[in-house]
């Protein structure tokens, strides 16, 4: 189980890191001084979407 967690979380962390590297300059150009607030909103949206996906997997998937 430990190897599975490592094999899954390492690529996932890489994807998240790449996403942050891309979204931060876009937000800085789009909203300027409010980019920190916008990044918090992006993270909150990601958490909400993840919660919905986890709920659906737990309750709707066979």
N, C-alpha and C. Protein backbone atom coordinates (compact mmCIF):
# COMPACT_ATOMS: atom_id res chain seq x y z
N UNK A 1 0.82 -1.20 0.00
CA UNK A 1 0.00 0.00 0.00
C UNK A 1 0.87 1.26 0.00
N UNK A 2 1.97 1.24 0.72
CA UNK A 2 2.85 2.39 0.80
C UNK A 2 3.43 2.76 -0.57
N UNK A 3 3.81 1.74 -1.35
CA UNK A 3 4.35 2.00 -2.69
C UNK A 3 3.28 2.59 -3.59
N UNK A 4 2.03 2.12 -3.43
CA UNK A 4 0.93 2.64 -4.24
C UNK A 4 0.69 4.12 -3.95
N UNK A 5 0.73 4.49 -2.68
CA UNK A 5 0.52 5.89 -2.32
C UNK A 5 1.63 6.76 -2.91
N UNK A 6 2.86 6.31 -2.80
CA UNK A 6 3.98 7.06 -3.36
C UNK A 6 3.91 7.16 -4.87
N UNK A 7 3.52 6.06 -5.52
CA UNK A 7 3.43 6.05 -6.98
C UNK A 7 2.28 6.92 -7.47
N UNK A 8 1.27 7.09 -6.65
CA UNK A 8 0.13 7.91 -7.05
C UNK A 8 0.34 9.38 -6.71
N UNK A 9 0.87 9.65 -5.53
CA UNK A 9 0.96 11.04 -5.09
C UNK A 9 2.09 11.81 -5.76
N UNK A 10 3.15 11.14 -6.16
CA UNK A 10 4.26 11.85 -6.81
C UNK A 10 3.85 12.46 -8.14
N UNK A 11 3.23 11.71 -9.07
CA UNK A 11 2.79 12.34 -10.31
C UNK A 11 1.70 13.39 -10.08
N UNK A 12 0.83 13.15 -9.11
CA UNK A 12 -0.23 14.10 -8.81
C UNK A 12 0.37 15.42 -8.31
N UNK A 13 1.37 15.34 -7.46
CA UNK A 13 2.04 16.55 -6.97
C UNK A 13 2.71 17.29 -8.11
N UNK A 14 3.26 16.56 -9.05
CA UNK A 14 3.89 17.19 -10.22
C UNK A 14 2.87 17.93 -11.06
N UNK A 15 1.70 17.34 -11.24
CA UNK A 15 0.63 17.99 -12.01
C UNK A 15 0.17 19.26 -11.30
N UNK A 16 -0.03 19.18 -9.98
CA UNK A 16 -0.44 20.37 -9.23
C UNK A 16 0.62 21.46 -9.31
N UNK A 17 1.87 21.09 -9.16
CA UNK A 17 2.95 22.07 -9.23
C UNK A 17 3.00 22.75 -10.58
N UNK A 18 2.85 21.99 -11.64
CA UNK A 18 2.84 22.57 -12.98
C UNK A 18 1.65 23.50 -13.16
N UNK A 19 0.51 23.10 -12.61
CA UNK A 19 -0.67 23.96 -12.70
C UNK A 19 -0.47 25.29 -12.01
N UNK A 20 0.14 25.27 -10.83
CA UNK A 20 0.40 26.51 -10.12
C UNK A 20 1.40 27.38 -10.87
N UNK A 21 2.41 26.76 -11.48
CA UNK A 21 3.38 27.53 -12.25
C UNK A 21 2.73 28.23 -13.43
N UNK A 22 1.69 27.63 -13.99
CA UNK A 22 1.01 28.23 -15.13
C UNK A 22 -0.01 29.27 -14.69
N UNK A 23 -0.80 28.97 -13.66
CA UNK A 23 -1.92 29.83 -13.29
C UNK A 23 -1.49 31.12 -12.59
N UNK A 24 -0.40 31.10 -11.85
CA UNK A 24 0.01 32.30 -11.10
C UNK A 24 0.33 33.47 -12.02
N UNK A 25 1.15 33.31 -13.07
CA UNK A 25 1.39 34.46 -13.95
C UNK A 25 0.12 34.92 -14.69
N UNK A 26 -0.75 33.97 -15.03
CA UNK A 26 -2.01 34.34 -15.69
C UNK A 26 -2.86 35.19 -14.76
N UNK A 27 -2.98 34.75 -13.51
CA UNK A 27 -3.75 35.53 -12.54
C UNK A 27 -3.11 36.89 -12.28
N UNK A 28 -1.80 36.93 -12.19
CA UNK A 28 -1.12 38.21 -11.96
C UNK A 28 -1.40 39.19 -13.09
N UNK A 29 -1.42 38.70 -14.32
CA UNK A 29 -1.73 39.57 -15.45
C UNK A 29 -3.19 39.94 -15.52
N UNK A 30 -4.06 39.04 -15.10
CA UNK A 30 -5.50 39.28 -15.23
C UNK A 30 -6.06 40.15 -14.11
N UNK A 31 -5.63 39.92 -12.88
CA UNK A 31 -6.24 40.63 -11.75
C UNK A 31 -5.24 41.47 -10.96
N UNK A 32 -3.99 41.44 -11.34
CA UNK A 32 -2.99 42.30 -10.72
C UNK A 32 -2.82 42.08 -9.23
N UNK A 33 -3.09 43.11 -8.47
CA UNK A 33 -2.85 43.08 -7.02
C UNK A 33 -3.77 42.09 -6.30
N UNK A 34 -4.84 41.69 -6.95
CA UNK A 34 -5.77 40.74 -6.33
C UNK A 34 -5.43 39.29 -6.68
N UNK A 35 -4.24 39.06 -7.19
CA UNK A 35 -3.88 37.70 -7.62
C UNK A 35 -3.84 36.72 -6.44
N UNK A 36 -3.47 37.19 -5.26
CA UNK A 36 -3.46 36.29 -4.09
C UNK A 36 -4.88 35.86 -3.75
N UNK A 37 -5.81 36.80 -3.79
CA UNK A 37 -7.21 36.47 -3.53
C UNK A 37 -7.74 35.53 -4.60
N UNK A 38 -7.37 35.79 -5.85
CA UNK A 38 -7.80 34.92 -6.95
C UNK A 38 -7.22 33.52 -6.80
N UNK A 39 -5.98 33.41 -6.33
CA UNK A 39 -5.37 32.09 -6.14
C UNK A 39 -6.08 31.34 -5.02
N UNK A 40 -6.47 32.03 -3.98
CA UNK A 40 -7.25 31.40 -2.90
C UNK A 40 -8.58 30.90 -3.47
N UNK A 41 -9.20 31.68 -4.34
CA UNK A 41 -10.46 31.26 -4.96
C UNK A 41 -10.26 30.04 -5.85
N UNK A 42 -9.16 30.01 -6.60
CA UNK A 42 -8.86 28.84 -7.43
C UNK A 42 -8.67 27.60 -6.56
N UNK A 43 -7.95 27.74 -5.46
CA UNK A 43 -7.74 26.61 -4.54
C UNK A 43 -9.05 26.16 -3.92
N UNK A 44 -9.90 27.10 -3.53
CA UNK A 44 -11.20 26.75 -2.95
C UNK A 44 -12.06 26.01 -3.97
N UNK A 45 -12.02 26.46 -5.21
CA UNK A 45 -12.77 25.78 -6.27
C UNK A 45 -12.25 24.37 -6.48
N UNK A 46 -10.93 24.21 -6.45
CA UNK A 46 -10.34 22.88 -6.62
C UNK A 46 -10.74 21.95 -5.47
N UNK A 47 -10.76 22.47 -4.26
CA UNK A 47 -11.17 21.66 -3.10
C UNK A 47 -12.64 21.26 -3.24
N UNK A 48 -13.48 22.20 -3.69
CA UNK A 48 -14.91 21.91 -3.85
C UNK A 48 -15.13 20.84 -4.92
N UNK A 49 -14.45 20.97 -6.05
CA UNK A 49 -14.59 19.98 -7.12
C UNK A 49 -14.09 18.62 -6.63
N UNK A 50 -12.98 18.60 -5.92
CA UNK A 50 -12.47 17.34 -5.37
C UNK A 50 -13.44 16.70 -4.40
N UNK A 51 -14.10 17.52 -3.59
CA UNK A 51 -15.10 16.99 -2.65
C UNK A 51 -16.26 16.35 -3.38
N UNK A 52 -16.71 16.99 -4.45
CA UNK A 52 -17.81 16.42 -5.24
C UNK A 52 -17.39 15.10 -5.87
N UNK A 53 -16.19 15.05 -6.41
CA UNK A 53 -15.70 13.82 -7.03
C UNK A 53 -15.58 12.71 -6.00
N UNK A 54 -15.00 13.02 -4.83
CA UNK A 54 -14.88 12.01 -3.77
C UNK A 54 -16.25 11.52 -3.31
N UNK A 55 -17.20 12.43 -3.15
CA UNK A 55 -18.55 12.04 -2.74
C UNK A 55 -19.17 11.11 -3.78
N UNK A 56 -19.05 11.47 -5.05
CA UNK A 56 -19.62 10.63 -6.11
C UNK A 56 -18.97 9.26 -6.16
N UNK A 57 -17.67 9.20 -5.98
CA UNK A 57 -16.99 7.91 -5.98
C UNK A 57 -17.46 7.06 -4.80
N UNK A 58 -17.60 7.69 -3.65
CA UNK A 58 -17.99 6.94 -2.45
C UNK A 58 -19.44 6.47 -2.50
N UNK A 59 -20.34 7.30 -3.03
CA UNK A 59 -21.77 7.00 -2.94
C UNK A 59 -22.40 6.51 -4.24
N UNK A 60 -21.83 6.83 -5.38
CA UNK A 60 -22.50 6.50 -6.64
C UNK A 60 -21.81 5.40 -7.42
N UNK A 61 -20.51 5.25 -7.23
CA UNK A 61 -19.79 4.22 -7.98
C UNK A 61 -20.08 2.85 -7.40
N UNK A 62 -20.18 1.86 -8.26
CA UNK A 62 -20.44 0.50 -7.75
C UNK A 62 -19.27 -0.10 -7.01
